[in-house]
Amino acid sequence: MARVRFIGPQPVTVPELGGRRIHPDEVVDVPDARYDGYVCQPSNWEPFEEPKTSAPAAKKAAAKKGSED
């Protein structure tokens, strides 16, 4: 799980988090696969802790990037 901070002006209900009410400046855990969906909304969410990638996955991504150059 990754962590993000809600920086919006008013509390919101987030259905994806079980309908939980999130308050301004609250840090919440979000699924790693959904992390980008939160931080791409910079007026509402900011990164707190990026998703953890496993060493094999990171190695595979680096190898793929190198083959595209």
C-alpha atoms as a PDB file:
ATOM      1  CA  MET A   1       0.000   0.000   0.000  1.00  0.00           C
ATOM      2  CA  ALA A   2       1.076   3.548  -0.738  1.00  0.00           C
ATOM      3  CA  ARG A   3       0.143   6.599   1.281  1.00  0.00           C
ATOM      4  CA  VAL A   4      -1.286   9.928   0.132  1.00  0.00           C
ATOM      5  CA  ARG A   5      -2.358  13.078   1.976  1.00  0.00           C
ATOM      6  CA  PHE A   6      -5.691  14.722   1.263  1.00  0.00           C
ATOM      7  CA  ILE A   7      -5.149  18.455   0.827  1.00  0.00           C
ATOM      8  CA  GLY A   8      -8.609  19.456  -0.394  1.00  0.00           C
ATOM      9  CA  PRO A   9     -10.504  22.212   1.417  1.00  0.00           C
ATOM     10  CA  GLN A  10     -13.380  20.097   2.824  1.00  0.00           C
ATOM     11  CA  PRO A  11     -13.872  16.498   3.957  1.00  0.00           C
ATOM     12  CA  VAL A  12     -14.757  14.030   1.193  1.00  0.00           C
ATOM     13  CA  THR A  13     -16.194  10.535   1.098  1.00  0.00           C
ATOM     14  CA  VAL A  14     -14.057   8.146  -0.959  1.00  0.00           C
ATOM     15  CA  PRO A  15     -16.067   5.134  -2.164  1.00  0.00           C
ATOM     16  CA  GLU A  16     -12.903   3.284  -3.195  1.00  0.00           C
ATOM     17  CA  LEU A  17     -11.758   3.367   0.433  1.00  0.00           C
ATOM     18  CA  GLY A  18     -14.923   1.746   1.704  1.00  0.00           C
ATOM     19  CA  GLY A  19     -16.946   4.959   1.757  1.00  0.00           C
ATOM     20  CA  ARG A  20     -14.623   6.405   4.344  1.00  0.00           C
ATOM     21  CA  ARG A  21     -14.806  10.129   5.137  1.00  0.00           C
ATOM     22  CA  ILE A  22     -11.389  11.753   4.613  1.00  0.00           C
ATOM     23  CA  HIS A  23     -10.581  15.103   6.230  1.00  0.00           C
ATOM     24  CA  PRO A  24      -8.120  17.789   5.063  1.00  0.00           C
ATOM     25  CA  ASP A  25      -4.492  16.952   5.923  1.00  0.00           C
ATOM     26  CA  GLU A  26      -5.375  13.295   6.612  1.00  0.00           C
ATOM     27  CA  VAL A  27      -2.959  10.633   5.361  1.00  0.00           C
ATOM     28  CA  VAL A  28      -4.535   7.454   4.004  1.00  0.00           C
ATOM     29  CA  ASP A  29      -3.353   4.144   2.591  1.00  0.00           C
ATOM     30  CA  VAL A  30      -4.320   3.473  -1.023  1.00  0.00           C
ATOM     31  CA  PRO A  31      -3.650   0.408  -3.173  1.00  0.00           C
ATOM     32  CA  ASP A  32      -0.318   0.669  -5.002  1.00  0.00           C
ATOM     33  CA  ALA A  33      -2.111   0.127  -8.310  1.00  0.00           C
ATOM     34  CA  ARG A  34      -4.329   3.193  -7.653  1.00  0.00           C
ATOM     35  CA  TYR A  35      -1.606   5.552  -6.351  1.00  0.00           C
ATOM     36  CA  ASP A  36      -1.278   7.401  -9.673  1.00  0.00           C
ATOM     37  CA  GLY A  37      -5.035   7.983  -9.741  1.00  0.00           C
ATOM     38  CA  TYR A  38      -4.749   9.993  -6.543  1.00  0.00           C
ATOM     39  CA  VAL A  39      -1.538  11.960  -7.092  1.00  0.00           C
ATOM     40  CA  CYS A  40      -2.627  13.008 -10.598  1.00  0.00           C
ATOM     41  CA  GLN A  41      -5.108  15.284  -8.755  1.00  0.00           C
ATOM     42  CA  PRO A  42      -2.609  17.732  -7.205  1.00  0.00           C
ATOM     43  CA  SER A  43      -5.291  20.111  -5.967  1.00  0.00           C
ATOM     44  CA  ASN A  44      -6.716  17.322  -3.766  1.00  0.00           C
ATOM     45  CA  TRP A  45      -3.980  14.770  -3.042  1.00  0.00           C
ATOM     46  CA  GLU A  46      -0.234  14.832  -2.551  1.00  0.00           C
ATOM     47  CA  PRO A  47       2.246  11.974  -2.354  1.00  0.00           C
ATOM     48  CA  PHE A  48       3.154  10.923   1.151  1.00  0.00           C
ATOM     49  CA  GLU A  49       4.808   7.583   0.510  1.00  0.00           C
ATOM     50  CA  GLU A  50       5.256   6.156  -2.969  1.00  0.00           C
ATOM     51  CA  PRO A  51       4.290   2.571  -3.776  1.00  0.00           C
ATOM     52  CA  LYS A  52       6.897  -0.002  -2.961  1.00  0.00           C
ATOM     53  CA  THR A  53       8.086  -1.914  -5.987  1.00  0.00           C
ATOM     54  CA  SER A  54       9.638  -5.297  -5.636  1.00  0.00           C
ATOM     55  CA  ALA A  55      13.248  -5.619  -6.752  1.00  0.00           C
ATOM     56  CA  PRO A  56      12.376  -7.967  -9.649  1.00  0.00           C
ATOM     57  CA  ALA A  57       9.665  -5.606 -10.915  1.00  0.00           C
ATOM     58  CA  ALA A  58      11.986  -2.597 -10.707  1.00  0.00           C
ATOM     59  CA  LYS A  59      14.730  -4.515 -12.485  1.00  0.00           C
ATOM     60  CA  LYS A  60      12.332  -5.576 -15.246  1.00  0.00           C
ATOM     61  CA  ALA A  61      11.115  -1.974 -15.727  1.00  0.00           C
ATOM     62  CA  ALA A  62      14.690  -0.694 -15.929  1.00  0.00           C
ATOM     63  CA  ALA A  63      15.610  -3.370 -18.479  1.00  0.00           C
ATOM     64  CA  LYS A  64      12.557  -2.517 -20.595  1.00  0.00           C
ATOM     65  CA  LYS A  65      13.408   1.203 -20.498  1.00  0.00           C
ATOM     66  CA  GLY A  66      16.970   0.482 -21.543  1.00  0.00           C
ATOM     67  CA  SER A  67      15.814  -1.555 -24.560  1.00  0.00           C
ATOM     68  CA  GLU A  68      13.563   1.297 -25.750  1.00  0.00           C
ATOM     69  CA  ASP A  69      16.392   3.872 -25.924  1.00  0.00           C
END
